[in-house]
N, C-alpha and C. Protein backbone atom coordinates (compact mmCIF):
# COMPACT_ATOMS: atom_id res chain seq x y z
N MET A 1 180.24 -78.90 -38.12
CA MET A 1 180.35 -78.89 -36.67
C MET A 1 180.70 -80.27 -36.12
N LEU A 2 180.01 -81.30 -36.63
CA LEU A 2 180.29 -82.65 -36.18
C LEU A 2 181.71 -83.07 -36.53
N GLN A 3 182.17 -82.70 -37.72
CA GLN A 3 183.53 -83.04 -38.12
C GLN A 3 184.55 -82.37 -37.21
N LYS A 4 184.26 -81.16 -36.77
CA LYS A 4 185.15 -80.47 -35.83
C LYS A 4 185.20 -81.22 -34.50
N SER A 5 184.05 -81.70 -34.03
CA SER A 5 184.02 -82.47 -32.78
C SER A 5 184.80 -83.76 -32.92
N LEU A 6 184.67 -84.42 -34.07
CA LEU A 6 185.44 -85.65 -34.32
C LEU A 6 186.93 -85.37 -34.28
N ALA A 7 187.35 -84.24 -34.86
CA ALA A 7 188.77 -83.89 -34.86
C ALA A 7 189.27 -83.60 -33.46
N LEU A 8 188.47 -82.90 -32.67
CA LEU A 8 188.87 -82.57 -31.29
C LEU A 8 188.99 -83.79 -30.41
N ASN A 9 188.29 -84.87 -30.76
CA ASN A 9 188.29 -86.08 -29.95
C ASN A 9 188.97 -87.26 -30.64
N SER A 10 189.76 -86.97 -31.67
CA SER A 10 190.35 -88.02 -32.50
C SER A 10 191.32 -88.92 -31.74
N SER A 11 191.87 -88.44 -30.63
CA SER A 11 192.82 -89.25 -29.85
C SER A 11 192.11 -90.28 -28.97
N LEU A 12 190.78 -90.20 -28.88
CA LEU A 12 190.02 -91.11 -28.01
C LEU A 12 189.34 -92.17 -28.86
N PRO A 13 189.75 -93.44 -28.74
CA PRO A 13 189.09 -94.50 -29.52
C PRO A 13 187.59 -94.57 -29.26
N GLN A 14 187.18 -94.28 -28.01
CA GLN A 14 185.75 -94.38 -27.68
C GLN A 14 184.90 -93.30 -28.33
N ALA A 15 185.54 -92.29 -28.92
CA ALA A 15 184.77 -91.23 -29.57
C ALA A 15 184.10 -91.71 -30.84
N LYS A 16 184.46 -92.89 -31.34
CA LYS A 16 183.82 -93.43 -32.54
C LYS A 16 182.62 -94.31 -32.20
N TYR A 17 182.35 -94.49 -30.91
CA TYR A 17 181.20 -95.29 -30.49
C TYR A 17 180.00 -94.38 -30.25
N LEU A 18 178.87 -94.77 -30.82
CA LEU A 18 177.66 -93.99 -30.64
C LEU A 18 176.49 -94.92 -30.34
N GLN A 19 175.41 -94.34 -29.84
CA GLN A 19 174.22 -95.11 -29.52
C GLN A 19 173.20 -94.93 -30.63
N LEU A 20 172.68 -96.04 -31.14
CA LEU A 20 171.71 -96.01 -32.23
C LEU A 20 170.40 -96.61 -31.74
N ALA A 21 169.33 -95.82 -31.83
CA ALA A 21 168.01 -96.28 -31.40
C ALA A 21 167.11 -96.49 -32.61
N THR A 22 166.44 -97.65 -32.62
CA THR A 22 165.45 -97.96 -33.64
C THR A 22 164.12 -98.23 -32.93
N VAL A 23 163.10 -98.59 -33.70
CA VAL A 23 161.78 -98.85 -33.14
C VAL A 23 161.42 -100.32 -33.36
N ARG A 24 161.07 -101.03 -32.29
CA ARG A 24 160.65 -102.41 -32.39
C ARG A 24 159.24 -102.49 -33.00
N PRO A 25 158.86 -103.68 -33.49
CA PRO A 25 157.51 -103.81 -34.06
C PRO A 25 156.38 -103.44 -33.11
N ASP A 26 156.60 -103.61 -31.79
CA ASP A 26 155.55 -103.27 -30.83
C ASP A 26 155.61 -101.82 -30.38
N GLY A 27 156.48 -101.02 -31.00
CA GLY A 27 156.56 -99.60 -30.69
C GLY A 27 157.58 -99.23 -29.63
N ARG A 28 158.17 -100.23 -28.97
CA ARG A 28 159.17 -99.93 -27.95
C ARG A 28 160.51 -99.57 -28.60
N PRO A 29 161.31 -98.71 -27.94
CA PRO A 29 162.61 -98.37 -28.50
C PRO A 29 163.61 -99.52 -28.32
N ALA A 30 164.55 -99.60 -29.24
CA ALA A 30 165.67 -100.56 -29.13
C ALA A 30 166.95 -99.76 -29.34
N ASN A 31 167.86 -99.84 -28.37
CA ASN A 31 169.07 -99.03 -28.41
C ASN A 31 170.29 -99.94 -28.30
N ARG A 32 171.37 -99.58 -29.02
CA ARG A 32 172.60 -100.35 -28.94
C ARG A 32 173.78 -99.46 -29.32
N THR A 33 174.98 -99.90 -28.95
CA THR A 33 176.20 -99.19 -29.30
C THR A 33 176.73 -99.70 -30.63
N VAL A 34 177.05 -98.77 -31.53
CA VAL A 34 177.63 -99.13 -32.82
C VAL A 34 178.87 -98.25 -33.05
N VAL A 35 179.63 -98.60 -34.08
CA VAL A 35 180.87 -97.88 -34.40
C VAL A 35 180.67 -97.02 -35.64
N PHE A 36 181.03 -95.77 -35.54
CA PHE A 36 180.98 -94.86 -36.69
C PHE A 36 182.05 -95.27 -37.68
N ARG A 37 181.64 -95.52 -38.94
CA ARG A 37 182.57 -95.99 -39.98
C ARG A 37 182.90 -94.91 -41.01
N GLY A 38 182.55 -93.68 -40.72
CA GLY A 38 182.87 -92.60 -41.63
C GLY A 38 181.63 -92.08 -42.35
N PHE A 39 181.83 -91.05 -43.15
CA PHE A 39 180.76 -90.47 -43.95
C PHE A 39 180.71 -91.15 -45.32
N LEU A 40 179.53 -91.19 -45.90
CA LEU A 40 179.35 -91.81 -47.20
C LEU A 40 179.87 -90.87 -48.28
N TYR A 41 181.07 -91.16 -48.77
CA TYR A 41 181.70 -90.37 -49.82
C TYR A 41 181.63 -88.87 -49.50
N ASP A 42 181.10 -88.05 -50.42
CA ASP A 42 181.11 -86.60 -50.21
C ASP A 42 179.80 -86.09 -49.62
N THR A 43 179.04 -86.98 -49.00
CA THR A 43 177.81 -86.55 -48.34
C THR A 43 178.06 -86.41 -46.84
N ASP A 44 177.02 -85.97 -46.12
CA ASP A 44 177.13 -85.93 -44.65
C ASP A 44 176.37 -87.10 -44.02
N HIS A 45 176.10 -88.16 -44.79
CA HIS A 45 175.42 -89.33 -44.26
C HIS A 45 176.40 -90.17 -43.43
N LEU A 46 175.98 -90.52 -42.22
CA LEU A 46 176.81 -91.37 -41.36
C LEU A 46 176.71 -92.82 -41.80
N THR A 47 177.80 -93.58 -41.63
CA THR A 47 177.74 -95.00 -41.95
C THR A 47 178.16 -95.85 -40.75
N ILE A 48 177.52 -97.01 -40.64
CA ILE A 48 177.89 -98.04 -39.69
C ILE A 48 177.88 -99.35 -40.46
N VAL A 49 178.24 -100.46 -39.80
CA VAL A 49 178.07 -101.78 -40.42
C VAL A 49 177.17 -102.61 -39.50
N THR A 50 176.49 -103.57 -40.10
CA THR A 50 175.58 -104.40 -39.33
C THR A 50 175.38 -105.74 -40.03
N ASP A 51 174.84 -106.70 -39.30
CA ASP A 51 174.55 -108.03 -39.82
C ASP A 51 173.12 -108.05 -40.36
N ARG A 52 172.95 -108.57 -41.56
CA ARG A 52 171.61 -108.63 -42.16
C ARG A 52 170.63 -109.42 -41.31
N ARG A 53 171.13 -110.32 -40.48
CA ARG A 53 170.28 -111.17 -39.65
C ARG A 53 169.92 -110.51 -38.32
N SER A 54 170.45 -109.32 -38.05
CA SER A 54 170.21 -108.66 -36.76
C SER A 54 168.81 -108.08 -36.69
N CYS A 55 168.36 -107.85 -35.46
CA CYS A 55 167.03 -107.29 -35.25
C CYS A 55 166.90 -105.90 -35.83
N LYS A 56 167.98 -105.12 -35.79
CA LYS A 56 167.87 -103.74 -36.26
C LYS A 56 167.50 -103.68 -37.73
N VAL A 57 167.96 -104.66 -38.52
CA VAL A 57 167.66 -104.65 -39.95
C VAL A 57 166.17 -104.87 -40.20
N SER A 58 165.58 -105.82 -39.51
CA SER A 58 164.14 -106.06 -39.67
C SER A 58 163.34 -104.90 -39.10
N GLU A 59 163.83 -104.28 -38.02
CA GLU A 59 163.14 -103.11 -37.46
C GLU A 59 163.15 -101.95 -38.44
N LEU A 60 164.28 -101.74 -39.10
CA LEU A 60 164.39 -100.65 -40.06
C LEU A 60 163.56 -100.90 -41.30
N ALA A 61 163.37 -102.15 -41.66
CA ALA A 61 162.53 -102.45 -42.82
C ALA A 61 161.09 -102.01 -42.57
N ALA A 62 160.66 -102.09 -41.31
CA ALA A 62 159.30 -101.69 -40.96
C ALA A 62 159.20 -100.21 -40.64
N ASN A 63 160.28 -99.63 -40.10
CA ASN A 63 160.27 -98.22 -39.70
C ASN A 63 161.70 -97.69 -39.80
N PRO A 64 162.02 -96.90 -40.82
CA PRO A 64 163.41 -96.46 -41.03
C PRO A 64 163.87 -95.33 -40.11
N HIS A 65 162.99 -94.82 -39.25
CA HIS A 65 163.38 -93.69 -38.41
C HIS A 65 164.33 -94.15 -37.29
N VAL A 66 165.37 -93.35 -37.07
CA VAL A 66 166.37 -93.66 -36.05
C VAL A 66 166.75 -92.39 -35.31
N GLU A 67 167.39 -92.57 -34.16
CA GLU A 67 168.04 -91.47 -33.47
C GLU A 67 169.38 -91.95 -32.96
N VAL A 68 170.39 -91.12 -33.16
CA VAL A 68 171.75 -91.39 -32.71
C VAL A 68 172.05 -90.46 -31.55
N CYS A 69 172.65 -91.02 -30.49
CA CYS A 69 173.15 -90.19 -29.38
C CYS A 69 174.66 -90.40 -29.33
N TRP A 70 175.39 -89.30 -29.36
CA TRP A 70 176.85 -89.37 -29.51
C TRP A 70 177.48 -88.37 -28.55
N TYR A 71 178.31 -88.87 -27.64
CA TYR A 71 178.96 -88.01 -26.65
C TYR A 71 180.45 -87.96 -26.91
N PHE A 72 181.01 -86.75 -26.89
CA PHE A 72 182.44 -86.54 -27.10
C PHE A 72 183.07 -86.07 -25.79
N PRO A 73 183.87 -86.94 -25.13
CA PRO A 73 184.40 -86.60 -23.81
C PRO A 73 185.35 -85.41 -23.78
N SER A 74 186.26 -85.30 -24.75
CA SER A 74 187.26 -84.23 -24.69
C SER A 74 186.62 -82.85 -24.80
N SER A 75 185.69 -82.70 -25.72
CA SER A 75 185.05 -81.40 -25.91
C SER A 75 183.75 -81.27 -25.13
N ARG A 76 183.35 -82.33 -24.43
CA ARG A 76 182.14 -82.34 -23.60
C ARG A 76 180.92 -81.86 -24.40
N GLU A 77 180.68 -82.53 -25.49
CA GLU A 77 179.54 -82.22 -26.36
C GLU A 77 178.67 -83.46 -26.52
N GLN A 78 177.37 -83.23 -26.57
CA GLN A 78 176.44 -84.30 -26.90
C GLN A 78 175.68 -83.92 -28.17
N TYR A 79 175.58 -84.89 -29.06
CA TYR A 79 174.77 -84.76 -30.27
C TYR A 79 173.64 -85.79 -30.22
N ARG A 80 172.43 -85.33 -30.49
CA ARG A 80 171.32 -86.24 -30.77
C ARG A 80 170.94 -86.00 -32.22
N LEU A 81 171.13 -87.01 -33.04
CA LEU A 81 170.94 -86.90 -34.49
C LEU A 81 169.75 -87.75 -34.89
N SER A 82 168.72 -87.11 -35.41
CA SER A 82 167.51 -87.81 -35.83
C SER A 82 167.45 -87.86 -37.36
N GLY A 83 166.92 -88.96 -37.87
CA GLY A 83 166.80 -89.10 -39.31
C GLY A 83 166.30 -90.47 -39.70
N SER A 84 166.73 -90.93 -40.87
CA SER A 84 166.33 -92.23 -41.39
C SER A 84 167.57 -93.02 -41.77
N MET A 85 167.43 -94.34 -41.71
CA MET A 85 168.57 -95.20 -42.00
C MET A 85 168.22 -96.21 -43.07
N ALA A 86 169.10 -96.34 -44.06
CA ALA A 86 168.94 -97.33 -45.13
C ALA A 86 169.99 -98.42 -44.96
N ILE A 87 169.64 -99.62 -45.35
CA ILE A 87 170.55 -100.76 -45.27
C ILE A 87 171.00 -101.13 -46.68
N VAL A 88 172.32 -101.20 -46.86
CA VAL A 88 172.90 -101.59 -48.13
C VAL A 88 173.37 -103.04 -48.00
N SER A 89 172.66 -103.95 -48.65
CA SER A 89 173.01 -105.37 -48.60
C SER A 89 173.65 -105.78 -49.91
N LYS A 90 174.03 -107.05 -50.02
CA LYS A 90 174.67 -107.56 -51.23
C LYS A 90 173.74 -107.49 -52.44
N ASP A 91 172.44 -107.37 -52.20
CA ASP A 91 171.47 -107.35 -53.29
C ASP A 91 171.10 -105.95 -53.75
N ASP A 92 171.75 -104.91 -53.19
CA ASP A 92 171.41 -103.55 -53.57
C ASP A 92 171.71 -103.32 -55.05
N SER A 93 170.87 -102.56 -55.70
CA SER A 93 171.03 -102.32 -57.14
C SER A 93 171.95 -101.14 -57.46
N ASN A 94 172.29 -100.35 -56.45
CA ASN A 94 173.12 -99.16 -56.68
C ASN A 94 174.60 -99.53 -56.57
N GLN A 95 175.33 -99.37 -57.66
CA GLN A 95 176.73 -99.81 -57.70
C GLN A 95 177.63 -98.98 -56.79
N GLN A 96 177.34 -97.69 -56.64
CA GLN A 96 178.15 -96.86 -55.74
C GLN A 96 177.97 -97.29 -54.29
N LEU A 97 176.74 -97.63 -53.92
CA LEU A 97 176.50 -98.09 -52.55
C LEU A 97 177.13 -99.46 -52.33
N LEU A 98 177.07 -100.32 -53.33
CA LEU A 98 177.73 -101.62 -53.22
C LEU A 98 179.24 -101.46 -53.08
N GLN A 99 179.79 -100.49 -53.78
CA GLN A 99 181.22 -100.22 -53.65
C GLN A 99 181.55 -99.73 -52.25
N ALA A 100 180.72 -98.86 -51.70
CA ALA A 100 180.93 -98.36 -50.33
C ALA A 100 180.85 -99.51 -49.34
N ARG A 101 179.93 -100.43 -49.55
CA ARG A 101 179.82 -101.63 -48.70
C ARG A 101 181.10 -102.45 -48.75
N GLN A 102 181.61 -102.69 -49.96
CA GLN A 102 182.82 -103.49 -50.11
C GLN A 102 184.03 -102.79 -49.48
N GLU A 103 184.11 -101.48 -49.62
CA GLU A 103 185.21 -100.74 -49.01
C GLU A 103 185.14 -100.80 -47.49
N ALA A 104 183.93 -100.75 -46.94
CA ALA A 104 183.79 -100.87 -45.48
C ALA A 104 184.24 -102.24 -45.02
N TRP A 105 183.92 -103.28 -45.79
CA TRP A 105 184.36 -104.64 -45.46
C TRP A 105 185.89 -104.72 -45.43
N ALA A 106 186.54 -104.13 -46.41
CA ALA A 106 188.00 -104.18 -46.50
C ALA A 106 188.67 -103.47 -45.33
N ARG A 107 188.00 -102.48 -44.75
CA ARG A 107 188.58 -101.74 -43.63
C ARG A 107 188.35 -102.42 -42.28
N MET A 108 187.51 -103.45 -42.24
CA MET A 108 187.22 -104.12 -40.99
C MET A 108 188.43 -104.89 -40.48
N SER A 109 188.54 -105.02 -39.16
CA SER A 109 189.58 -105.87 -38.57
C SER A 109 189.23 -107.34 -38.79
N ASP A 110 190.21 -108.21 -38.59
CA ASP A 110 189.94 -109.65 -38.69
C ASP A 110 188.83 -110.07 -37.74
N ALA A 111 188.89 -109.55 -36.51
CA ALA A 111 187.87 -109.91 -35.52
C ALA A 111 186.49 -109.43 -35.96
N GLY A 112 186.44 -108.25 -36.54
CA GLY A 112 185.16 -107.71 -37.00
C GLY A 112 184.57 -108.51 -38.14
N ARG A 113 185.41 -108.88 -39.12
CA ARG A 113 184.91 -109.66 -40.25
C ARG A 113 184.45 -111.05 -39.81
N SER A 114 185.11 -111.62 -38.81
CA SER A 114 184.76 -112.96 -38.36
C SER A 114 183.32 -113.05 -37.88
N GLN A 115 182.82 -111.99 -37.26
CA GLN A 115 181.49 -112.04 -36.68
C GLN A 115 180.39 -112.27 -37.72
N PHE A 116 180.67 -111.92 -38.96
CA PHE A 116 179.64 -112.03 -39.99
C PHE A 116 179.51 -113.43 -40.58
N VAL A 117 180.37 -114.34 -40.13
CA VAL A 117 180.21 -115.75 -40.53
C VAL A 117 179.92 -116.63 -39.32
N TRP A 118 179.63 -116.01 -38.20
CA TRP A 118 179.20 -116.74 -37.02
C TRP A 118 177.73 -117.15 -37.16
N PRO A 119 177.23 -118.01 -36.25
CA PRO A 119 175.81 -118.38 -36.29
C PRO A 119 174.89 -117.17 -36.08
N GLN A 120 173.61 -117.38 -36.28
CA GLN A 120 172.58 -116.35 -36.21
C GLN A 120 172.67 -115.53 -34.93
N PRO A 121 172.82 -114.20 -35.02
CA PRO A 121 172.86 -113.36 -33.81
C PRO A 121 171.57 -113.49 -33.00
N GLY A 122 171.71 -113.51 -31.68
CA GLY A 122 170.55 -113.53 -30.80
C GLY A 122 169.94 -114.89 -30.55
N GLN A 123 170.41 -115.91 -31.27
CA GLN A 123 169.88 -117.26 -31.07
C GLN A 123 170.67 -117.98 -29.98
N PRO A 124 170.10 -119.01 -29.35
CA PRO A 124 170.82 -119.76 -28.31
C PRO A 124 172.16 -120.28 -28.84
N ARG A 125 173.16 -120.19 -27.99
CA ARG A 125 174.50 -120.68 -28.38
C ARG A 125 174.55 -122.19 -28.17
N MET A 126 174.76 -122.93 -29.25
CA MET A 126 174.71 -124.38 -29.21
C MET A 126 176.12 -124.96 -29.20
N PRO A 127 176.36 -126.01 -28.39
CA PRO A 127 177.70 -126.64 -28.35
C PRO A 127 178.18 -127.08 -29.73
N ALA A 128 177.26 -127.52 -30.58
CA ALA A 128 177.65 -128.01 -31.91
C ALA A 128 178.19 -126.90 -32.80
N ASP A 129 177.95 -125.64 -32.42
CA ASP A 129 178.39 -124.52 -33.25
C ASP A 129 179.71 -123.90 -32.80
N GLU A 130 180.31 -124.42 -31.73
CA GLU A 130 181.49 -123.78 -31.15
C GLU A 130 182.63 -123.65 -32.16
N ASP A 131 182.81 -124.64 -33.02
CA ASP A 131 183.90 -124.57 -34.00
C ASP A 131 183.74 -123.40 -34.97
N LEU A 132 182.49 -122.96 -35.18
CA LEU A 132 182.25 -121.85 -36.10
C LEU A 132 182.83 -120.54 -35.57
N PHE A 133 182.94 -120.43 -34.25
CA PHE A 133 183.49 -119.21 -33.66
C PHE A 133 185.02 -119.18 -33.73
N LEU A 134 185.64 -120.29 -34.10
CA LEU A 134 187.10 -120.40 -34.11
C LEU A 134 187.69 -120.41 -35.51
N GLN A 135 186.85 -120.35 -36.53
CA GLN A 135 187.36 -120.42 -37.89
C GLN A 135 188.07 -119.13 -38.27
N PRO A 136 189.03 -119.20 -39.20
CA PRO A 136 189.78 -117.99 -39.59
C PRO A 136 188.86 -116.91 -40.15
N ALA A 137 189.31 -115.66 -40.00
CA ALA A 137 188.53 -114.54 -40.52
C ALA A 137 188.51 -114.56 -42.04
N PRO A 138 187.39 -114.17 -42.65
CA PRO A 138 187.35 -114.05 -44.12
C PRO A 138 188.37 -113.01 -44.59
N ASP A 139 188.83 -113.17 -45.80
CA ASP A 139 189.83 -112.29 -46.38
C ASP A 139 189.26 -110.89 -46.61
N SER A 140 190.01 -109.88 -46.21
CA SER A 140 189.55 -108.50 -46.41
C SER A 140 189.52 -108.12 -47.88
N ALA A 141 190.33 -108.80 -48.69
CA ALA A 141 190.38 -108.48 -50.12
C ALA A 141 189.32 -109.22 -50.92
N GLY A 142 188.66 -110.19 -50.30
CA GLY A 142 187.61 -110.93 -51.00
C GLY A 142 186.28 -110.24 -50.91
N SER A 143 185.27 -110.84 -51.49
CA SER A 143 183.92 -110.29 -51.45
C SER A 143 183.41 -110.27 -50.01
N ALA A 144 182.65 -109.24 -49.68
CA ALA A 144 182.08 -109.15 -48.33
C ALA A 144 181.18 -110.34 -48.06
N ALA A 145 181.13 -110.75 -46.80
CA ALA A 145 180.27 -111.86 -46.40
C ALA A 145 178.82 -111.55 -46.78
N PRO A 146 178.04 -112.56 -47.16
CA PRO A 146 176.65 -112.32 -47.60
C PRO A 146 175.81 -111.55 -46.60
N ASP A 147 176.06 -111.75 -45.30
CA ASP A 147 175.24 -111.09 -44.28
C ASP A 147 175.80 -109.74 -43.84
N PHE A 148 176.91 -109.30 -44.44
CA PHE A 148 177.51 -108.02 -44.10
C PHE A 148 176.73 -106.89 -44.80
N CYS A 149 176.32 -105.90 -44.03
CA CYS A 149 175.56 -104.76 -44.57
C CYS A 149 176.18 -103.44 -44.12
N LEU A 150 176.00 -102.45 -44.96
CA LEU A 150 176.38 -101.08 -44.62
C LEU A 150 175.11 -100.33 -44.25
N GLY A 151 175.11 -99.67 -43.11
CA GLY A 151 173.99 -98.83 -42.70
C GLY A 151 174.30 -97.38 -42.98
N VAL A 152 173.36 -96.66 -43.60
CA VAL A 152 173.58 -95.26 -43.98
C VAL A 152 172.49 -94.41 -43.34
N VAL A 153 172.90 -93.46 -42.52
CA VAL A 153 171.97 -92.59 -41.79
C VAL A 153 171.96 -91.22 -42.43
N GLN A 154 170.79 -90.78 -42.90
CA GLN A 154 170.62 -89.40 -43.36
C GLN A 154 170.00 -88.60 -42.23
N VAL A 155 170.72 -87.64 -41.73
CA VAL A 155 170.30 -86.85 -40.57
C VAL A 155 169.44 -85.68 -41.02
N THR A 156 168.32 -85.48 -40.34
CA THR A 156 167.44 -84.35 -40.65
C THR A 156 167.22 -83.42 -39.46
N GLU A 157 167.71 -83.80 -38.29
CA GLU A 157 167.65 -82.90 -37.13
C GLU A 157 168.83 -83.18 -36.23
N VAL A 158 169.44 -82.12 -35.73
CA VAL A 158 170.59 -82.22 -34.84
C VAL A 158 170.31 -81.42 -33.58
N ASP A 159 170.42 -82.07 -32.43
CA ASP A 159 170.28 -81.41 -31.12
C ASP A 159 171.66 -81.44 -30.48
N HIS A 160 172.31 -80.29 -30.40
CA HIS A 160 173.69 -80.20 -29.94
C HIS A 160 173.78 -79.45 -28.62
N VAL A 161 174.47 -80.05 -27.66
CA VAL A 161 174.67 -79.42 -26.36
C VAL A 161 176.17 -79.33 -26.09
N ASP A 162 176.65 -78.12 -25.79
CA ASP A 162 178.03 -77.89 -25.39
C ASP A 162 178.04 -77.72 -23.88
N LEU A 163 178.58 -78.72 -23.18
CA LEU A 163 178.53 -78.69 -21.72
C LEU A 163 179.57 -77.76 -21.10
N TYR A 164 180.56 -77.33 -21.90
CA TYR A 164 181.51 -76.34 -21.39
C TYR A 164 180.85 -74.97 -21.26
N THR A 165 180.03 -74.63 -22.24
CA THR A 165 179.41 -73.31 -22.26
C THR A 165 177.93 -73.33 -21.88
N ASN A 166 177.38 -74.55 -21.70
CA ASN A 166 175.95 -74.71 -21.42
C ASN A 166 175.08 -74.07 -22.50
N GLN A 167 175.53 -74.23 -23.74
CA GLN A 167 174.78 -73.75 -24.89
C GLN A 167 174.15 -74.94 -25.61
N ARG A 168 172.91 -74.77 -26.03
CA ARG A 168 172.22 -75.83 -26.76
C ARG A 168 171.56 -75.24 -28.00
N ARG A 169 171.78 -75.91 -29.13
CA ARG A 169 171.18 -75.48 -30.39
C ARG A 169 170.53 -76.67 -31.08
N ILE A 170 169.43 -76.41 -31.75
CA ILE A 170 168.74 -77.43 -32.54
C ILE A 170 168.73 -77.00 -34.00
N PHE A 171 169.25 -77.87 -34.84
CA PHE A 171 169.28 -77.65 -36.28
C PHE A 171 168.27 -78.60 -36.91
N SER A 172 167.33 -78.10 -37.68
CA SER A 172 166.29 -78.96 -38.22
C SER A 172 166.05 -78.68 -39.69
N SER A 173 165.61 -79.72 -40.40
CA SER A 173 165.27 -79.63 -41.81
C SER A 173 164.00 -80.42 -42.04
N GLN A 174 163.20 -80.00 -42.99
CA GLN A 174 161.96 -80.68 -43.30
C GLN A 174 162.16 -81.87 -44.22
N LEU A 175 163.32 -81.95 -44.90
CA LEU A 175 163.59 -83.06 -45.80
C LEU A 175 164.00 -84.29 -45.00
N ALA A 176 163.40 -85.44 -45.31
CA ALA A 176 163.71 -86.66 -44.58
C ALA A 176 163.79 -87.86 -45.51
N ALA A 177 164.31 -87.67 -46.70
CA ALA A 177 164.38 -88.78 -47.67
C ALA A 177 165.42 -89.79 -47.24
N VAL A 178 165.07 -91.09 -47.30
CA VAL A 178 166.01 -92.15 -47.01
C VAL A 178 166.90 -92.35 -48.23
N VAL A 179 168.16 -92.69 -48.02
CA VAL A 179 169.11 -92.84 -49.13
C VAL A 179 168.57 -93.81 -50.16
N ALA A 180 168.07 -94.95 -49.72
CA ALA A 180 167.59 -95.98 -50.66
C ALA A 180 166.43 -95.47 -51.50
N ALA A 181 165.58 -94.66 -50.89
CA ALA A 181 164.42 -94.15 -51.62
C ALA A 181 164.82 -93.16 -52.69
N GLY A 182 165.98 -92.53 -52.51
CA GLY A 182 166.41 -91.55 -53.49
C GLY A 182 167.48 -92.06 -54.43
N THR A 183 167.67 -93.37 -54.49
CA THR A 183 168.71 -93.94 -55.33
C THR A 183 168.38 -93.76 -56.81
N PRO A 184 169.26 -93.14 -57.58
CA PRO A 184 168.98 -92.97 -59.01
C PRO A 184 168.95 -94.31 -59.73
N SER A 185 168.16 -94.40 -60.76
CA SER A 185 168.03 -95.65 -61.49
C SER A 185 169.25 -95.97 -62.32
N ASN A 186 170.11 -94.97 -62.61
CA ASN A 186 171.28 -95.22 -63.43
C ASN A 186 172.47 -95.75 -62.65
N GLY A 187 172.30 -95.98 -61.34
CA GLY A 187 173.35 -96.58 -60.54
C GLY A 187 174.37 -95.60 -60.01
N ASP A 188 174.19 -94.30 -60.25
CA ASP A 188 175.12 -93.32 -59.72
C ASP A 188 174.95 -93.19 -58.22
N ALA A 189 175.91 -92.54 -57.59
CA ALA A 189 175.82 -92.31 -56.15
C ALA A 189 174.63 -91.42 -55.85
N PRO A 190 173.98 -91.62 -54.69
CA PRO A 190 172.85 -90.76 -54.33
C PRO A 190 173.31 -89.32 -54.19
N SER A 191 172.59 -88.41 -54.78
CA SER A 191 172.98 -87.01 -54.71
C SER A 191 172.62 -86.43 -53.35
N GLN A 192 173.40 -85.46 -52.93
CA GLN A 192 173.18 -84.80 -51.66
C GLN A 192 172.05 -83.79 -51.82
N PRO A 193 170.92 -83.97 -51.12
CA PRO A 193 169.82 -83.02 -51.28
C PRO A 193 170.19 -81.64 -50.74
N ALA A 194 169.58 -80.63 -51.30
CA ALA A 194 169.82 -79.26 -50.87
C ALA A 194 168.99 -79.00 -49.62
N LEU A 195 169.54 -79.35 -48.48
CA LEU A 195 168.81 -79.19 -47.23
C LEU A 195 168.80 -77.73 -46.80
N ARG A 196 167.65 -77.27 -46.35
CA ARG A 196 167.53 -75.92 -45.82
C ARG A 196 167.36 -76.03 -44.32
N TRP A 197 168.45 -75.74 -43.61
CA TRP A 197 168.47 -75.94 -42.16
C TRP A 197 168.02 -74.68 -41.43
N GLU A 198 167.29 -74.89 -40.35
CA GLU A 198 166.91 -73.82 -39.43
C GLU A 198 167.59 -74.06 -38.10
N THR A 199 168.06 -72.99 -37.47
CA THR A 199 168.78 -73.10 -36.20
C THR A 199 168.01 -72.38 -35.11
N ARG A 200 167.87 -73.05 -33.96
CA ARG A 200 167.19 -72.46 -32.80
C ARG A 200 168.10 -72.60 -31.58
N ASN A 201 168.29 -71.52 -30.87
CA ASN A 201 168.95 -71.58 -29.57
C ASN A 201 167.90 -71.88 -28.51
N VAL A 202 168.13 -72.91 -27.71
CA VAL A 202 167.15 -73.31 -26.69
C VAL A 202 167.86 -73.48 -25.35
N ASN A 203 167.08 -73.57 -24.29
CA ASN A 203 167.65 -73.77 -22.98
C ASN A 203 168.24 -75.19 -22.88
N PRO A 204 169.40 -75.34 -22.22
CA PRO A 204 170.00 -76.66 -22.08
C PRO A 204 169.20 -77.56 -21.14
């Protein structure tokens, strides 16, 4: 269903932007806009990219639960996707996930890659650091920047609203394994769990 919505809205660049909410250490929500970078190989896990130094990475280390809110203007659909998110850094032991990270780096624009060699996100901008913002972008064919991470979201509940028909359905599963927690020790790609989904029609 989500892939159909992506196809219907493929002409809109903004259709790849979604809202990702995490939980701060004090329990408050933290929400930001991120870019959908595709599905993880043959799974239905969503991927984004992020900086290892960002707040979301430390928040996810303490609490991996996330919610994504994604609106598609052409088809007038909203998705709220709940699940868990794993961070794939340069130190990950799974070779398939490291390969996915490197492939995501290669697909980044020059402007996107440049951000991962800038000074610490969220810190005061210092005059002495201005030259760092002007340096050339790292090579897309080279190794990903040390702070470049791939974020992988395994969805376990979907709340879908079609505003054309005013229909709302909730798809839920009891399985909530994080990708990193299910990583095989032999380095193979994480297998897609056999999710048993339940569907409920609810009032919009």
